[in-house]
Amino acid sequence: MGAMHTHKAMETRVLGPSDLPAIIDLERASWATGLQADVRLIEKRFALGHQMVGAWSDGSLRGMTSFSYTWFDPRHPETLPRTFVEFSSLPVPARFNTAFGYNLNVHPAERGGRLVRRLLQAAFEHASAAGCKYLVGDGRCPSYNGSRDPPADDVAPNPQFRQAIDEFMRSGVFPEERKLMLDPTLRLFSRLMNCRFIAIIPDFLPADTASGGFRVMYLKVMQ
């Protein structure tokens, strides 16, 4: 199950099917209705061999991250899955070098605090111990359209950011990092994960209207 890390009233540990009620409560608190995972989907992810690490505070699940293991060559980002369903539904092969992180779910009251850093560190350690050299994740970019769904999502639209994404779609020239940093969620990923952005995929998750269905994929080298 992996090591448990404690600090004051906070602990991080690997989650299992017995944690489903707490996982569903966190989904409902953190995501707009169209982005929530239901019990059946989470059970399927466990059955596929996916890993979930949670951060608990005073007995309540306040954050979690989900990832699968796969084989990936970072020199070829064009081989990444083109949809969120595929990205988050891969069976775990016998040989792997990468964690595909498809869910970073943090209670709105905990965002920006130390819990997020502790959660990510625990997940990095878990994946690295399993033999992963890389983490690839799908970065939301809600300032593409903006969202008014507080407290889970309250982000103003940013026309400059949207222009950078649209220009990439027209030209194929990857945006400068400073333009991607106009989005607060991508900025947070960059700061917390020390990652770089390697691909922009349209229609990755059409239900995420705030992000225009886009995902900005990031790569973290872990060892």
Protein backbone atom coordinates (compact mmCIF):
# COMPACT_ATOMS: atom_id res chain seq x y z
CA MET A 1 0.00 0.00 0.00
CA GLY A 2 2.93 2.34 0.32
CA ALA A 3 4.09 4.44 3.23
CA MET A 4 1.82 6.73 5.18
CA HIS A 5 3.10 10.24 5.78
CA THR A 6 1.70 12.26 8.66
CA HIS A 7 2.06 15.88 9.66
CA LYS A 8 -0.08 17.36 12.41
CA ALA A 9 -3.67 16.37 11.52
CA MET A 10 -2.85 15.62 7.89
CA GLU A 11 -1.97 12.27 6.36
CA THR A 12 -1.41 11.02 2.83
CA ARG A 13 -1.98 7.44 1.78
CA VAL A 14 -2.86 5.23 -1.16
CA LEU A 15 -6.62 4.92 -1.62
CA GLY A 16 -8.62 1.79 -2.31
CA PRO A 17 -12.22 0.77 -3.09
CA SER A 18 -13.16 1.09 0.59
CA ASP A 19 -12.55 4.83 0.25
CA LEU A 20 -15.22 5.26 -2.45
CA PRO A 21 -17.73 7.19 -0.30
CA ALA A 22 -15.07 9.76 0.63
CA ILE A 23 -13.88 9.98 -2.99
CA ILE A 24 -17.42 10.67 -4.24
CA ASP A 25 -17.94 13.35 -1.57
CA LEU A 26 -14.74 15.06 -2.73
CA GLU A 27 -15.79 14.84 -6.40
CA ARG A 28 -19.07 16.59 -5.60
CA ALA A 29 -17.36 19.32 -3.60
CA SER A 30 -14.65 20.00 -6.16
CA TRP A 31 -16.05 19.69 -9.68
CA ALA A 32 -18.92 21.04 -11.71
CA THR A 33 -21.57 18.38 -12.34
CA GLY A 34 -20.40 17.51 -15.86
CA LEU A 35 -16.84 16.84 -14.69
CA GLN A 36 -17.57 14.56 -11.74
CA ALA A 37 -16.64 10.88 -11.79
CA ASP A 38 -19.28 8.49 -10.48
CA VAL A 39 -18.85 5.32 -8.42
CA ARG A 40 -18.90 3.00 -11.44
CA LEU A 41 -16.13 4.92 -13.19
CA ILE A 42 -13.89 5.01 -10.14
CA GLU A 43 -14.45 1.28 -9.57
CA LYS A 44 -13.42 0.69 -13.19
CA ARG A 45 -10.23 2.70 -12.66
CA PHE A 46 -9.32 0.63 -9.60
CA ALA A 47 -10.01 -2.56 -11.59
CA LEU A 48 -7.63 -1.37 -14.34
CA GLY A 49 -4.86 -1.14 -11.75
CA HIS A 50 -4.82 2.64 -11.51
CA GLN A 51 -3.29 4.34 -8.49
CA MET A 52 -4.99 6.91 -6.28
CA VAL A 53 -3.31 8.84 -3.49
CA GLY A 54 -5.34 10.90 -1.03
CA ALA A 55 -4.65 13.63 1.50
CA TRP A 56 -6.74 13.50 4.64
CA SER A 57 -7.21 16.21 7.24
CA ASP A 58 -8.93 15.43 10.53
CA GLY A 59 -10.37 12.26 9.03
CA SER A 60 -11.82 13.93 5.93
CA LEU A 61 -10.53 13.37 2.38
CA ARG A 62 -9.52 16.85 1.23
CA GLY A 63 -7.51 16.09 -1.89
CA MET A 64 -6.56 13.21 -4.17
CA THR A 65 -4.76 12.46 -7.38
CA SER A 66 -5.27 9.55 -9.78
CA PHE A 67 -2.83 8.09 -12.28
CA SER A 68 -2.18 5.04 -14.40
CA TYR A 69 1.14 3.57 -15.44
CA THR A 70 2.14 3.28 -19.10
CA TRP A 71 5.06 3.44 -21.51
CA PHE A 72 5.80 6.84 -23.05
CA ASP A 73 8.65 8.41 -24.99
CA PRO A 74 8.76 12.14 -24.15
CA ARG A 75 10.39 12.83 -27.53
CA HIS A 76 7.09 11.90 -29.16
CA PRO A 77 4.22 13.82 -27.55
CA GLU A 78 2.16 13.15 -30.68
CA THR A 79 1.67 9.60 -29.36
CA LEU A 80 -0.36 10.83 -26.38
CA PRO A 81 -4.02 9.79 -26.21
CA ARG A 82 -6.28 12.31 -27.92
CA THR A 83 -9.20 12.14 -25.49
CA PHE A 84 -9.60 12.21 -21.73
CA VAL A 85 -11.58 8.97 -21.81
CA GLU A 86 -8.65 7.16 -23.41
CA PHE A 87 -6.05 8.95 -21.28
CA SER A 88 -7.82 7.95 -18.05
CA SER A 89 -8.83 4.40 -19.09
CA LEU A 90 -5.55 2.71 -20.01
CA PRO A 91 -4.84 -0.75 -18.60
CA VAL A 92 -1.48 -0.98 -16.84
CA PRO A 93 1.09 -2.87 -18.96
CA ALA A 94 3.77 -5.19 -17.60
CA ARG A 95 6.48 -2.69 -18.55
CA PHE A 96 6.08 1.03 -17.91
CA ASN A 97 8.12 4.15 -17.33
CA THR A 98 5.50 6.89 -16.97
CA ALA A 99 2.56 7.86 -14.78
CA PHE A 100 -0.36 9.43 -16.66
CA GLY A 101 -1.87 11.76 -14.05
CA TYR A 102 -5.47 12.45 -15.02
CA ASN A 103 -7.04 13.78 -11.85
CA LEU A 104 -5.86 16.33 -9.32
CA ASN A 105 -8.88 16.87 -7.13
CA VAL A 106 -8.53 19.31 -4.25
CA HIS A 107 -11.34 20.63 -2.09
CA PRO A 108 -11.88 24.34 -2.87
CA ALA A 109 -11.08 25.29 0.72
CA GLU A 110 -7.64 23.65 0.45
CA ARG A 111 -6.47 25.10 -2.87
CA GLY A 112 -3.25 27.05 -2.68
CA GLY A 113 -2.32 25.57 0.69
CA ARG A 114 0.27 23.10 1.93
CA LEU A 115 -2.07 20.14 1.51
CA VAL A 116 -1.66 20.27 -2.28
CA ARG A 117 2.13 20.15 -2.07
CA ARG A 118 2.04 17.27 0.41
CA LEU A 119 -0.39 15.36 -1.79
CA LEU A 120 1.72 15.81 -4.91
CA GLN A 121 4.93 14.87 -3.13
CA ALA A 122 3.33 11.65 -1.88
CA ALA A 123 2.11 10.83 -5.40
CA PHE A 124 5.52 11.54 -6.93
CA GLU A 125 7.19 9.27 -4.38
CA HIS A 126 4.65 6.50 -5.01
CA ALA A 127 5.04 6.59 -8.79
CA SER A 128 8.81 6.90 -8.62
CA ALA A 129 9.06 3.90 -6.28
CA ALA A 130 7.04 1.89 -8.82
CA GLY A 131 9.69 2.69 -11.45
CA CYS A 132 8.28 5.75 -13.24
CA LYS A 133 10.74 8.24 -14.69
CA TYR A 134 8.11 10.63 -16.02
CA LEU A 135 4.76 12.08 -15.07
CA VAL A 136 2.46 13.31 -17.83
CA GLY A 137 -0.69 15.16 -16.92
CA ASP A 138 -3.58 16.94 -18.57
CA GLY A 139 -3.63 20.58 -17.54
CA ARG A 140 -6.97 22.36 -17.48
CA CYS A 141 -7.02 25.89 -18.88
CA PRO A 142 -10.29 27.42 -17.62
CA SER A 143 -9.37 30.97 -18.61
CA TYR A 144 -9.92 29.99 -22.27
CA ASN A 145 -13.66 30.63 -21.82
CA GLY A 146 -13.79 31.45 -18.13
CA SER A 147 -16.04 29.80 -15.60
CA ARG A 148 -18.46 31.04 -13.01
CA ASP A 149 -19.12 27.98 -10.91
CA PRO A 150 -17.92 28.99 -7.43
CA PRO A 151 -16.56 27.70 -5.19
CA ALA A 152 -15.32 24.84 -7.36
CA ASP A 153 -14.42 26.98 -10.34
CA ASP A 154 -14.36 30.76 -10.57
CA VAL A 155 -11.98 31.92 -13.28
CA ALA A 156 -12.25 34.99 -15.50
CA PRO A 157 -11.82 34.56 -19.26
CA ASN A 158 -8.47 35.75 -20.59
CA PRO A 159 -8.62 36.89 -24.24
CA GLN A 160 -4.81 36.87 -24.57
CA PHE A 161 -4.61 33.27 -23.43
CA ARG A 162 -7.42 32.25 -25.75
CA GLN A 163 -5.67 34.00 -28.62
CA ALA A 164 -2.47 32.04 -27.92
CA ILE A 165 -4.32 28.71 -28.04
CA ASP A 166 -6.27 29.68 -31.16
CA GLU A 167 -3.07 30.82 -32.88
CA PHE A 168 -1.48 27.45 -32.13
CA MET A 169 -4.47 25.72 -33.71
CA ARG A 170 -4.05 27.82 -36.84
CA SER A 171 -0.27 27.75 -37.17
CA GLY A 172 0.92 24.66 -35.30
CA VAL A 173 3.58 26.79 -33.60
CA PHE A 174 3.64 25.97 -29.88
CA PRO A 175 2.98 29.04 -27.69
CA GLU A 176 5.73 30.62 -25.62
CA GLU A 177 5.56 29.50 -22.01
CA ARG A 178 4.83 33.05 -20.80
CA LYS A 179 1.60 32.98 -22.81
CA LEU A 180 0.54 29.67 -21.28
CA MET A 181 1.28 31.14 -17.85
CA LEU A 182 -1.59 33.59 -18.36
CA ASP A 183 -3.89 30.78 -17.24
CA PRO A 184 -3.92 30.44 -13.42
CA THR A 185 -4.36 26.67 -13.44
CA LEU A 186 -1.43 26.08 -15.78
CA ARG A 187 0.60 28.56 -13.74
CA LEU A 188 -0.18 26.53 -10.61
CA PHE A 189 0.85 23.26 -12.28
CA SER A 190 4.11 24.83 -13.44
CA ARG A 191 4.91 26.08 -9.94
CA LEU A 192 3.91 22.97 -8.02
CA MET A 193 5.30 20.35 -10.35
CA ASN A 194 8.38 21.92 -11.94
CA CYS A 195 7.08 20.65 -15.28
CA ARG A 196 7.12 21.77 -18.89
CA PHE A 197 4.27 21.84 -21.37
CA ILE A 198 4.60 19.51 -24.35
CA ALA A 199 1.28 19.37 -26.22
CA ILE A 200 -2.07 21.09 -26.68
CA ILE A 201 -4.90 18.73 -27.57
CA PRO A 202 -8.29 20.03 -28.81
CA ASP A 203 -11.55 18.23 -27.97
CA PHE A 204 -9.75 16.32 -25.23
CA LEU A 205 -12.63 16.79 -22.79
CA PRO A 206 -15.56 18.55 -24.50
CA ALA A 207 -17.55 18.60 -21.23
CA ASP A 208 -15.02 21.06 -19.81
CA THR A 209 -16.53 24.12 -21.45
CA ALA A 210 -14.44 26.51 -19.34
CA SER A 211 -11.30 25.10 -21.03
CA GLY A 212 -12.94 25.00 -24.45
CA GLY A 213 -12.41 21.24 -24.39
CA PHE A 214 -8.64 21.81 -24.60
CA ARG A 215 -5.94 20.24 -22.48
CA VAL A 216 -2.38 21.51 -22.20
CA MET A 217 -0.32 18.40 -21.48
CA TYR A 218 2.64 18.71 -19.13
CA LEU A 219 5.72 16.56 -18.51
CA LYS A 220 7.63 16.21 -15.23
CA VAL A 221 10.92 14.33 -15.10
CA MET A 222 10.96 12.45 -11.77
CA GLN A 223 14.34 10.69 -11.76
